[in-house]
PDB file of all heavy atoms in Angstrom:
ATOM      1  N   GLN A   1       6.513   1.498   6.206  1.00  0.00           N
ATOM      2  CA  GLN A   1       6.405   1.336   7.653  1.00  0.00           C
ATOM      3  C   GLN A   1       6.625  -0.109   8.087  1.00  0.00           C
ATOM      4  O   GLN A   1       7.356  -0.367   9.056  1.00  0.00           O
ATOM      5  CB  GLN A   1       5.021   1.810   8.114  1.00  0.00           C
ATOM      6  CG  GLN A   1       4.820   1.707   9.622  1.00  0.00           C
ATOM      7  CD  GLN A   1       3.435   2.190  10.042  1.00  0.00           C
ATOM      8  OE1 GLN A   1       2.554   2.399   9.219  1.00  0.00           O
ATOM      9  NE2 GLN A   1       3.242   2.375  11.346  1.00  0.00           N
ATOM     10  N   ARG A   2       6.015  -1.075   7.381  1.00  0.00           N
ATOM     11  CA  ARG A   2       6.017  -2.458   7.869  1.00  0.00           C
ATOM     12  C   ARG A   2       6.900  -3.418   7.082  1.00  0.00           C
ATOM     13  O   ARG A   2       7.331  -4.431   7.620  1.00  0.00           O
ATOM     14  CB  ARG A   2       4.574  -2.998   7.877  1.00  0.00           C
ATOM     15  CG  ARG A   2       3.653  -2.221   8.796  1.00  0.00           C
ATOM     16  CD  ARG A   2       2.380  -2.989   9.132  1.00  0.00           C
ATOM     17  NE  ARG A   2       1.530  -3.253   7.980  1.00  0.00           N
ATOM     18  CZ  ARG A   2       0.697  -2.357   7.453  1.00  0.00           C
ATOM     19  NH1 ARG A   2       0.630  -1.139   7.951  1.00  0.00           N
ATOM     20  NH2 ARG A   2      -0.080  -2.688   6.428  1.00  0.00           N
ATOM     21  N   GLU A   3       7.162  -3.108   5.804  1.00  0.00           N
ATOM     22  CA  GLU A   3       7.976  -4.012   4.984  1.00  0.00           C
ATOM     23  C   GLU A   3       8.938  -3.204   4.116  1.00  0.00           C
ATOM     24  O   GLU A   3       8.879  -3.251   2.883  1.00  0.00           O
ATOM     25  CB  GLU A   3       7.075  -4.889   4.107  1.00  0.00           C
ATOM     26  CG  GLU A   3       6.137  -5.797   4.892  1.00  0.00           C
ATOM     27  CD  GLU A   3       5.267  -6.654   3.980  1.00  0.00           C
ATOM     28  OE1 GLU A   3       5.636  -6.837   2.797  1.00  0.00           O
ATOM     29  OE2 GLU A   3       4.216  -7.134   4.448  1.00  0.00           O
ATOM     30  N   PRO A   4       9.859  -2.449   4.754  1.00  0.00           N
ATOM     31  CA  PRO A   4      10.719  -1.547   3.975  1.00  0.00           C
ATOM     32  C   PRO A   4      11.660  -2.269   3.010  1.00  0.00           C
ATOM     33  O   PRO A   4      12.149  -1.661   2.059  1.00  0.00           O
ATOM     34  CB  PRO A   4      11.502  -0.791   5.058  1.00  0.00           C
ATOM     35  CG  PRO A   4      11.424  -1.679   6.269  1.00  0.00           C
ATOM     36  CD  PRO A   4      10.088  -2.348   6.205  1.00  0.00           C
ATOM     37  N   GLY A   5      11.907  -3.556   3.241  1.00  0.00           N
ATOM     38  CA  GLY A   5      12.770  -4.307   2.334  1.00  0.00           C
ATOM     39  C   GLY A   5      12.011  -5.068   1.270  1.00  0.00           C
ATOM     40  O   GLY A   5      12.598  -5.874   0.528  1.00  0.00           O
ATOM     41  N   SER A   6      10.737  -4.819   1.158  1.00  0.00           N
ATOM     42  CA  SER A   6       9.877  -5.575   0.243  1.00  0.00           C
ATOM     43  C   SER A   6      10.239  -5.330  -1.216  1.00  0.00           C
ATOM     44  O   SER A   6      10.521  -4.192  -1.629  1.00  0.00           O
ATOM     45  CB  SER A   6       8.410  -5.196   0.472  1.00  0.00           C
ATOM     46  OG  SER A   6       7.590  -5.713  -0.556  1.00  0.00           O
ATOM     47  N   GLY A   7      10.207  -6.402  -1.989  1.00  0.00           N
ATOM     48  CA  GLY A   7      10.373  -6.266  -3.423  1.00  0.00           C
ATOM     49  C   GLY A   7       9.242  -5.490  -4.061  1.00  0.00           C
ATOM     50  O   GLY A   7       9.385  -4.931  -5.154  1.00  0.00           O
ATOM     51  N   ARG A   8       8.094  -5.423  -3.382  1.00  0.00           N
ATOM     52  CA  ARG A   8       6.968  -4.665  -3.924  1.00  0.00           C
ATOM     53  C   ARG A   8       7.237  -3.165  -3.846  1.00  0.00           C
ATOM     54  O   ARG A   8       6.788  -2.417  -4.712  1.00  0.00           O
ATOM     55  CB  ARG A   8       5.684  -5.007  -3.163  1.00  0.00           C
ATOM     56  CG  ARG A   8       5.271  -6.470  -3.219  1.00  0.00           C
ATOM     57  CD  ARG A   8       5.128  -6.991  -4.661  1.00  0.00           C
ATOM     58  NE  ARG A   8       6.388  -7.461  -5.208  1.00  0.00           N
ATOM     59  CZ  ARG A   8       6.684  -7.487  -6.519  1.00  0.00           C
ATOM     60  NH1 ARG A   8       5.844  -7.025  -7.405  1.00  0.00           N
ATOM     61  NH2 ARG A   8       7.835  -7.943  -6.934  1.00  0.00           N
ATOM     62  N   LEU A   9       7.975  -2.743  -2.831  1.00  0.00           N
ATOM     63  CA  LEU A   9       8.363  -1.334  -2.760  1.00  0.00           C
ATOM     64  C   LEU A   9       9.337  -1.012  -3.896  1.00  0.00           C
ATOM     65  O   LEU A   9       9.257   0.052  -4.522  1.00  0.00           O
ATOM     66  CB  LEU A   9       8.991  -1.028  -1.403  1.00  0.00           C
ATOM     67  CG  LEU A   9       9.180   0.450  -1.043  1.00  0.00           C
ATOM     68  CD1 LEU A   9       7.845   1.195  -1.075  1.00  0.00           C
ATOM     69  CD2 LEU A   9       9.825   0.576   0.332  1.00  0.00           C
ATOM     70  N   ALA A  10      10.235  -1.943  -4.176  1.00  0.00           N
ATOM     71  CA  ALA A  10      11.150  -1.766  -5.307  1.00  0.00           C
ATOM     72  C   ALA A  10      10.378  -1.716  -6.622  1.00  0.00           C
ATOM     73  O   ALA A  10      10.745  -0.979  -7.551  1.00  0.00           O
ATOM     74  CB  ALA A  10      12.171  -2.905  -5.328  1.00  0.00           C
ATOM     75  N   ALA A  11       9.302  -2.484  -6.719  1.00  0.00           N
ATOM     76  CA  ALA A  11       8.479  -2.454  -7.932  1.00  0.00           C
ATOM     77  C   ALA A  11       7.817  -1.092  -8.096  1.00  0.00           C
ATOM     78  O   ALA A  11       7.719  -0.563  -9.215  1.00  0.00           O
ATOM     79  CB  ALA A  11       7.431  -3.559  -7.879  1.00  0.00           C
ATOM     80  N   TYR A  12       7.355  -0.514  -6.989  1.00  0.00           N
ATOM     81  CA  TYR A  12       6.792   0.833  -7.071  1.00  0.00           C
ATOM     82  C   TYR A  12       7.844   1.841  -7.549  1.00  0.00           C
ATOM     83  O   TYR A  12       7.541   2.759  -8.317  1.00  0.00           O
ATOM     84  CB  TYR A  12       6.240   1.269  -5.713  1.00  0.00           C
ATOM     85  CG  TYR A  12       4.775   0.988  -5.507  1.00  0.00           C
ATOM     86  CD1 TYR A  12       4.343   0.110  -4.515  1.00  0.00           C
ATOM     87  CD2 TYR A  12       3.801   1.609  -6.289  1.00  0.00           C
ATOM     88  CE1 TYR A  12       2.985  -0.152  -4.305  1.00  0.00           C
ATOM     89  CE2 TYR A  12       2.449   1.369  -6.087  1.00  0.00           C
ATOM     90  CZ  TYR A  12       2.053   0.481  -5.106  1.00  0.00           C
ATOM     91  OH  TYR A  12       0.702   0.236  -4.908  1.00  0.00           O
ATOM     92  N   ALA A  13       9.073   1.681  -7.095  1.00  0.00           N
ATOM     93  CA  ALA A  13      10.146   2.580  -7.528  1.00  0.00           C
ATOM     94  C   ALA A  13      10.418   2.411  -9.022  1.00  0.00           C
ATOM     95  O   ALA A  13      10.602   3.400  -9.750  1.00  0.00           O
ATOM     96  CB  ALA A  13      11.410   2.314  -6.717  1.00  0.00           C
ATOM     97  N   ALA A  14      10.445   1.160  -9.497  1.00  0.00           N
ATOM     98  CA  ALA A  14      10.658   0.909 -10.919  1.00  0.00           C
ATOM     99  C   ALA A  14       9.521   1.504 -11.747  1.00  0.00           C
ATOM    100  O   ALA A  14       9.750   2.092 -12.808  1.00  0.00           O
ATOM    101  CB  ALA A  14      10.775  -0.592 -11.175  1.00  0.00           C
ATOM    102  N   ALA A  15       8.289   1.356 -11.257  1.00  0.00           N
ATOM    103  CA  ALA A  15       7.144   1.935 -11.963  1.00  0.00           C
ATOM    104  C   ALA A  15       7.252   3.453 -12.003  1.00  0.00           C
ATOM    105  O   ALA A  15       6.964   4.085 -13.035  1.00  0.00           O
ATOM    106  CB  ALA A  15       5.843   1.508 -11.288  1.00  0.00           C
ATOM    107  N   ALA A  16       7.677   4.050 -10.893  1.00  0.00           N
ATOM    108  CA  ALA A  16       7.824   5.505 -10.847  1.00  0.00           C
ATOM    109  C   ALA A  16       8.836   5.985 -11.880  1.00  0.00           C
ATOM    110  O   ALA A  16       8.628   7.013 -12.542  1.00  0.00           O
ATOM    111  CB  ALA A  16       8.244   5.942  -9.446  1.00  0.00           C
ATOM    112  N   ALA A  17       9.921   5.248 -12.032  1.00  0.00           N
ATOM    113  CA  ALA A  17      10.936   5.624 -13.017  1.00  0.00           C
ATOM    114  C   ALA A  17      10.362   5.571 -14.436  1.00  0.00           C
ATOM    115  O   ALA A  17      10.633   6.450 -15.269  1.00  0.00           O
ATOM    116  CB  ALA A  17      12.142   4.699 -12.903  1.00  0.00           C
ATOM    117  N   MET A  18       9.545   4.549 -14.707  1.00  0.00           N
ATOM    118  CA  MET A  18       8.956   4.425 -16.041  1.00  0.00           C
ATOM    119  C   MET A  18       7.909   5.502 -16.299  1.00  0.00           C
ATOM    120  O   MET A  18       7.807   6.032 -17.406  1.00  0.00           O
ATOM    121  CB  MET A  18       8.351   3.035 -16.202  1.00  0.00           C
ATOM    122  CG  MET A  18       9.397   1.925 -16.319  1.00  0.00           C
ATOM    123  SD  MET A  18       8.671   0.294 -16.490  1.00  0.00           S
ATOM    124  CE  MET A  18       8.382  -0.158 -14.778  1.00  0.00           C
ATOM    125  N   LEU A  19       7.135   5.833 -15.300  1.00  0.00           N
ATOM    126  CA  LEU A  19       6.075   6.824 -15.477  1.00  0.00           C
ATOM    127  C   LEU A  19       6.621   8.240 -15.595  1.00  0.00           C
ATOM    128  O   LEU A  19       6.179   9.020 -16.440  1.00  0.00           O
ATOM    129  CB  LEU A  19       5.087   6.737 -14.308  1.00  0.00           C
ATOM    130  CG  LEU A  19       4.271   5.439 -14.214  1.00  0.00           C
ATOM    131  CD1 LEU A  19       3.465   5.418 -12.917  1.00  0.00           C
ATOM    132  CD2 LEU A  19       3.340   5.278 -15.417  1.00  0.00           C
ATOM    133  N   THR A  20       7.572   8.570 -14.743  1.00  0.00           N
ATOM    134  CA  THR A  20       8.099   9.935 -14.722  1.00  0.00           C
ATOM    135  C   THR A  20       9.220  10.153 -15.726  1.00  0.00           C
ATOM    136  O   THR A  20       9.530  11.296 -16.069  1.00  0.00           O
ATOM    137  CB  THR A  20       8.643  10.291 -13.323  1.00  0.00           C
ATOM    138  OG1 THR A  20       9.783   9.453 -13.038  1.00  0.00           O
ATOM    139  CG2 THR A  20       7.573  10.084 -12.249  1.00  0.00           C
ATOM    140  N   GLY A  21       9.868   9.069 -16.169  1.00  0.00           N
ATOM    141  CA  GLY A  21      11.029   9.205 -17.045  1.00  0.00           C
ATOM    142  C   GLY A  21      12.294   9.557 -16.310  1.00  0.00           C
ATOM    143  O   GLY A  21      13.310   9.881 -16.932  1.00  0.00           O
ATOM    144  N   ARG A  22      12.268   9.463 -14.982  1.00  0.00           N
ATOM    145  CA  ARG A  22      13.438   9.783 -14.153  1.00  0.00           C
ATOM    146  C   ARG A  22      13.947   8.522 -13.476  1.00  0.00           C
ATOM    147  O   ARG A  22      13.222   7.886 -12.700  1.00  0.00           O
ATOM    148  CB  ARG A  22      13.066  10.820 -13.086  1.00  0.00           C
ATOM    149  CG  ARG A  22      12.798  12.203 -13.630  1.00  0.00           C
ATOM    150  CD  ARG A  22      12.345  13.142 -12.527  1.00  0.00           C
ATOM    151  NE  ARG A  22      12.889  12.781 -11.218  1.00  0.00           N
ATOM    152  CZ  ARG A  22      12.184  12.753 -10.094  1.00  0.00           C
ATOM    153  NH1 ARG A  22      10.888  13.031 -10.113  1.00  0.00           N
ATOM    154  NH2 ARG A  22      12.766  12.437  -8.963  1.00  0.00           N
ATOM    155  N   ALA A  23      15.189   8.173 -13.744  1.00  0.00           N
ATOM    156  CA  ALA A  23      15.750   6.946 -13.185  1.00  0.00           C
ATOM    157  C   ALA A  23      15.825   6.978 -11.665  1.00  0.00           C
ATOM    158  O   ALA A  23      15.787   5.930 -11.010  1.00  0.00           O
ATOM    159  CB  ALA A  23      17.149   6.701 -13.770  1.00  0.00           C
ATOM    160  N   ASP A  24      15.927   8.181 -11.077  1.00  0.00           N
ATOM    161  CA  ASP A  24      16.068   8.303  -9.622  1.00  0.00           C
ATOM    162  C   ASP A  24      14.725   8.519  -8.923  1.00  0.00           C
ATOM    163  O   ASP A  24      14.688   8.849  -7.727  1.00  0.00           O
ATOM    164  CB  ASP A  24      17.018   9.448  -9.275  1.00  0.00           C
ATOM    165  CG  ASP A  24      16.488  10.815  -9.730  1.00  0.00           C
ATOM    166  OD1 ASP A  24      15.547  10.846 -10.570  1.00  0.00           O
ATOM    167  OD2 ASP A  24      17.002  11.844  -9.258  1.00  0.00           O
ATOM    168  N   ALA A  25      13.618   8.328  -9.630  1.00  0.00           N
ATOM    169  CA  ALA A  25      12.304   8.589  -9.042  1.00  0.00           C
ATOM    170  C   ALA A  25      12.024   7.632  -7.888  1.00  0.00           C
ATOM    171  O   ALA A  25      12.314   6.435  -7.966  1.00  0.00           O
ATOM    172  CB  ALA A  25      11.212   8.464 -10.102  1.00  0.00           C
ATOM    173  N   SER A  26      11.452   8.158  -6.820  1.00  0.00           N
ATOM    174  CA  SER A  26      11.069   7.344  -5.666  1.00  0.00           C
ATOM    175  C   SER A  26       9.652   6.822  -5.866  1.00  0.00           C
ATOM    176  O   SER A  26       8.901   7.331  -6.706  1.00  0.00           O
ATOM    177  CB  SER A  26      11.124   8.188  -4.396  1.00  0.00           C
ATOM    178  OG  SER A  26      10.097   9.180  -4.417  1.00  0.00           O
ATOM    179  N   PRO A  27       9.255   5.821  -5.083  1.00  0.00           N
ATOM    180  CA  PRO A  27       7.855   5.391  -5.146  1.00  0.00           C
ATOM    181  C   PRO A  27       6.885   6.546  -4.924  1.00  0.00           C
ATOM    182  O   PRO A  27       5.858   6.635  -5.612  1.00  0.00           O
ATOM    183  CB  PRO A  27       7.773   4.352  -4.021  1.00  0.00           C
ATOM    184  CG  PRO A  27       9.147   3.785  -3.927  1.00  0.00           C
ATOM    185  CD  PRO A  27      10.052   4.956  -4.191  1.00  0.00           C
ATOM    186  N   GLU A  28       7.209   7.424  -3.985  1.00  0.00           N
ATOM    187  CA  GLU A  28       6.337   8.568  -3.708  1.00  0.00           C
ATOM    188  C   GLU A  28       6.243   9.508  -4.918  1.00  0.00           C
ATOM    189  O   GLU A  28       5.178  10.084  -5.182  1.00  0.00           O
ATOM    190  CB  GLU A  28       6.841   9.335  -2.492  1.00  0.00           C
ATOM    191  CG  GLU A  28       6.665   8.611  -1.163  1.00  0.00           C
ATOM    192  CD  GLU A  28       7.742   7.563  -0.876  1.00  0.00           C
ATOM    193  OE1 GLU A  28       8.677   7.414  -1.699  1.00  0.00           O
ATOM    194  OE2 GLU A  28       7.651   6.905   0.182  1.00  0.00           O
ATOM    195  N   ASP A  29       7.338   9.654  -5.666  1.00  0.00           N
ATOM    196  CA  ASP A  29       7.303  10.470  -6.882  1.00  0.00           C
ATOM    197  C   ASP A  29       6.298   9.894  -7.880  1.00  0.00           C
ATOM    198  O   ASP A  29       5.591  10.635  -8.576  1.00  0.00           O
ATOM    199  CB  ASP A  29       8.680  10.532  -7.541  1.00  0.00           C
ATOM    200  CG  ASP A  29       9.695  11.319  -6.730  1.00  0.00           C
ATOM    201  OD1 ASP A  29       9.283  12.222  -5.970  1.00  0.00           O
ATOM    202  OD2 ASP A  29      10.900  11.028  -6.865  1.00  0.00           O
ATOM    203  N   GLY A  30       6.237   8.568  -7.942  1.00  0.00           N
ATOM    204  CA  GLY A  30       5.281   7.930  -8.833  1.00  0.00           C
ATOM    205  C   GLY A  30       3.844   8.235  -8.430  1.00  0.00           C
ATOM    206  O   GLY A  30       2.986   8.499  -9.282  1.00  0.00           O
ATOM    207  N   ALA A  31       3.592   8.210  -7.120  1.00  0.00           N
ATOM    208  CA  ALA A  31       2.241   8.510  -6.639  1.00  0.00           C
ATOM    209  C   ALA A  31       1.855   9.956  -6.952  1.00  0.00           C
ATOM    210  O   ALA A  31       0.710  10.240  -7.323  1.00  0.00           O
ATOM    211  CB  ALA A  31       2.153   8.245  -5.135  1.00  0.00           C
ATOM    212  N   VAL A  32       2.798  10.873  -6.808  1.00  0.00           N
ATOM    213  CA  VAL A  32       2.542  12.279  -7.134  1.00  0.00           C
ATOM    214  C   VAL A  32       2.252  12.432  -8.626  1.00  0.00           C
ATOM    215  O   VAL A  32       1.346  13.172  -9.036  1.00  0.00           O
ATOM    216  CB  VAL A  32       3.739  13.152  -6.715  1.00  0.00           C
ATOM    217  CG1 VAL A  32       3.595  14.578  -7.261  1.00  0.00           C
ATOM    218  CG2 VAL A  32       3.863  13.185  -5.197  1.00  0.00           C
ATOM    219  N   TRP A  33       3.012  11.711  -9.464  1.00  0.00           N
ATOM    220  CA  TRP A  33       2.797  11.750 -10.919  1.00  0.00           C
ATOM    221  C   TRP A  33       1.398  11.246 -11.267  1.00  0.00           C
ATOM    222  O   TRP A  33       0.705  11.836 -12.108  1.00  0.00           O
ATOM    223  CB  TRP A  33       3.859  10.912 -11.607  1.00  0.00           C
ATOM    224  CG  TRP A  33       3.832  10.974 -13.110  1.00  0.00           C
ATOM    225  CD1 TRP A  33       4.541  11.820 -13.916  1.00  0.00           C
ATOM    226  CD2 TRP A  33       3.055  10.143 -13.998  1.00  0.00           C
ATOM    227  NE1 TRP A  33       4.247  11.578 -15.244  1.00  0.00           N
ATOM    228  CE2 TRP A  33       3.337  10.545 -15.325  1.00  0.00           C
ATOM    229  CE3 TRP A  33       2.151   9.103 -13.799  1.00  0.00           C
ATOM    230  CZ2 TRP A  33       2.756   9.954 -16.447  1.00  0.00           C
ATOM    231  CZ3 TRP A  33       1.568   8.502 -14.911  1.00  0.00           C
ATOM    232  CH2 TRP A  33       1.865   8.913 -16.212  1.00  0.00           C
ATOM    233  N   LEU A  34       0.971  10.178 -10.620  1.00  0.00           N
ATOM    234  CA  LEU A  34      -0.365   9.640 -10.872  1.00  0.00           C
ATOM    235  C   LEU A  34      -1.441  10.647 -10.513  1.00  0.00           C
ATOM    236  O   LEU A  34      -2.423  10.825 -11.245  1.00  0.00           O
ATOM    237  CB  LEU A  34      -0.567   8.345 -10.078  1.00  0.00           C
ATOM    238  CG  LEU A  34       0.236   7.127 -10.525  1.00  0.00           C
ATOM    239  CD1 LEU A  34       0.107   6.008  -9.500  1.00  0.00           C
ATOM    240  CD2 LEU A  34      -0.223   6.638 -11.894  1.00  0.00           C
ATOM    241  N   GLU A  35      -1.261  11.315  -9.378  1.00  0.00           N
ATOM    242  CA  GLU A  35      -2.255  12.303  -8.955  1.00  0.00           C
ATOM    243  C   GLU A  35      -2.342  13.451  -9.959  1.00  0.00           C
ATOM    244  O   GLU A  35      -3.434  13.911 -10.308  1.00  0.00           O
ATOM    245  CB  GLU A  35      -1.909  12.833  -7.569  1.00  0.00           C
ATOM    246  CG  GLU A  35      -2.973  13.744  -6.993  1.00  0.00           C
ATOM    247  CD  GLU A  35      -2.752  14.054  -5.527  1.00  0.00           C
ATOM    248  OE1 GLU A  35      -1.703  13.672  -4.987  1.00  0.00           O
ATOM    249  OE2 GLU A  35      -3.652  14.668  -4.928  1.00  0.00           O
ATOM    250  N   ALA A  36      -1.191  13.894 -10.457  1.00  0.00           N
ATOM    251  CA  ALA A  36      -1.174  14.985 -11.430  1.00  0.00           C
ATOM    252  C   ALA A  36      -1.839  14.557 -12.738  1.00  0.00           C
ATOM    253  O   ALA A  36      -2.580  15.336 -13.357  1.00  0.00           O
ATOM    254  CB  ALA A  36       0.262  15.445 -11.680  1.00  0.00           C
ATOM    255  N   LEU A  37      -1.582  13.328 -13.176  1.00  0.00           N
ATOM    256  CA  LEU A  37      -2.194  12.838 -14.411  1.00  0.00           C
ATOM    257  C   LEU A  37      -3.712  12.746 -14.266  1.00  0.00           C
ATOM    258  O   LEU A  37      -4.457  13.180 -15.157  1.00  0.00           O
ATOM    259  CB  LEU A  37      -1.630  11.473 -14.783  1.00  0.00           C
ATOM    260  CG  LEU A  37      -2.262  10.835 -16.031  1.00  0.00           C
ATOM    261  CD1 LEU A  37      -1.906  11.626 -17.289  1.00  0.00           C
ATOM    262  CD2 LEU A  37      -1.825   9.375 -16.186  1.00  0.00           C
ATOM    263  N   CYS A  38      -4.171  12.198 -13.155  1.00  0.00           N
ATOM    264  CA  CYS A  38      -5.614  12.079 -12.942  1.00  0.00           C
ATOM    265  C   CYS A  38      -6.279  13.454 -12.923  1.00  0.00           C
ATOM    266  O   CYS A  38      -7.382  13.632 -13.468  1.00  0.00           O
ATOM    267  CB  CYS A  38      -5.899  11.326 -11.644  1.00  0.00           C
ATOM    268  SG  CYS A  38      -5.522   9.554 -11.732  1.00  0.00           S
ATOM    269  N   ARG A  39      -5.610  14.423 -12.329  1.00  0.00           N
ATOM    270  CA  ARG A  39      -6.158  15.780 -12.304  1.00  0.00           C
ATOM    271  C   ARG A  39      -6.200  16.362 -13.720  1.00  0.00           C
ATOM    272  O   ARG A  39      -7.191  16.973 -14.127  1.00  0.00           O
ATOM    273  CB  ARG A  39      -5.303  16.656 -11.390  1.00  0.00           C
ATOM    274  CG  ARG A  39      -5.926  18.011 -11.055  1.00  0.00           C
ATOM    275  CD  ARG A  39      -5.017  18.845 -10.168  1.00  0.00           C
ATOM    276  NE  ARG A  39      -4.558  18.125  -8.998  1.00  0.00           N
ATOM    277  CZ  ARG A  39      -3.296  17.799  -8.755  1.00  0.00           C
ATOM    278  NH1 ARG A  39      -2.348  18.154  -9.621  1.00  0.00           N
ATOM    279  NH2 ARG A  39      -2.953  17.146  -7.674  1.00  0.00           N
ATOM    280  N   ARG A  40      -5.134  16.131 -14.486  1.00  0.00           N
ATOM    281  CA  ARG A  40      -5.072  16.647 -15.858  1.00  0.00           C
ATOM    282  C   ARG A  40      -6.159  16.062 -16.740  1.00  0.00           C
ATOM    283  O   ARG A  40      -6.701  16.723 -17.637  1.00  0.00           O
ATOM    284  CB  ARG A  40      -3.702  16.327 -16.449  1.00  0.00           C
ATOM    285  CG  ARG A  40      -3.520  16.786 -17.908  1.00  0.00           C
ATOM    286  CD  ARG A  40      -2.131  16.418 -18.392  1.00  0.00           C
ATOM    287  NE  ARG A  40      -1.711  16.604 -19.731  1.00  0.00           N
ATOM    288  CZ  ARG A  40      -2.383  16.790 -20.844  1.00  0.00           C
ATOM    289  NH1 ARG A  40      -3.683  16.868 -20.838  1.00  0.00           N
ATOM    290  NH2 ARG A  40      -1.815  16.906 -22.011  1.00  0.00           N
ATOM    291  N   LEU A  41      -6.503  14.802 -16.501  1.00  0.00           N
ATOM    292  CA  LEU A  41      -7.506  14.128 -17.317  1.00  0.00           C
ATOM    293  C   LEU A  41      -8.928  14.270 -16.766  1.00  0.00           C
ATOM    294  O   LEU A  41      -9.858  13.658 -17.289  1.00  0.00           O
ATOM    295  CB  LEU A  41      -7.161  12.640 -17.454  1.00  0.00           C
ATOM    296  CG  LEU A  41      -5.810  12.301 -18.097  1.00  0.00           C
ATOM    297  CD1 LEU A  41      -5.671  10.800 -18.281  1.00  0.00           C
ATOM    298  CD2 LEU A  41      -5.638  13.008 -19.437  1.00  0.00           C
TER     299      LEU A  41
END
């Protein structure tokens, strides 16, 4: 909403790719993956 060009948003995207194993993962995909992992554990 406020800083769409932020390098921190790009960092979230990079983290999502590492967590999900999908190069095209969005930051939101990473958040969904985290929620699923926390539920599983």
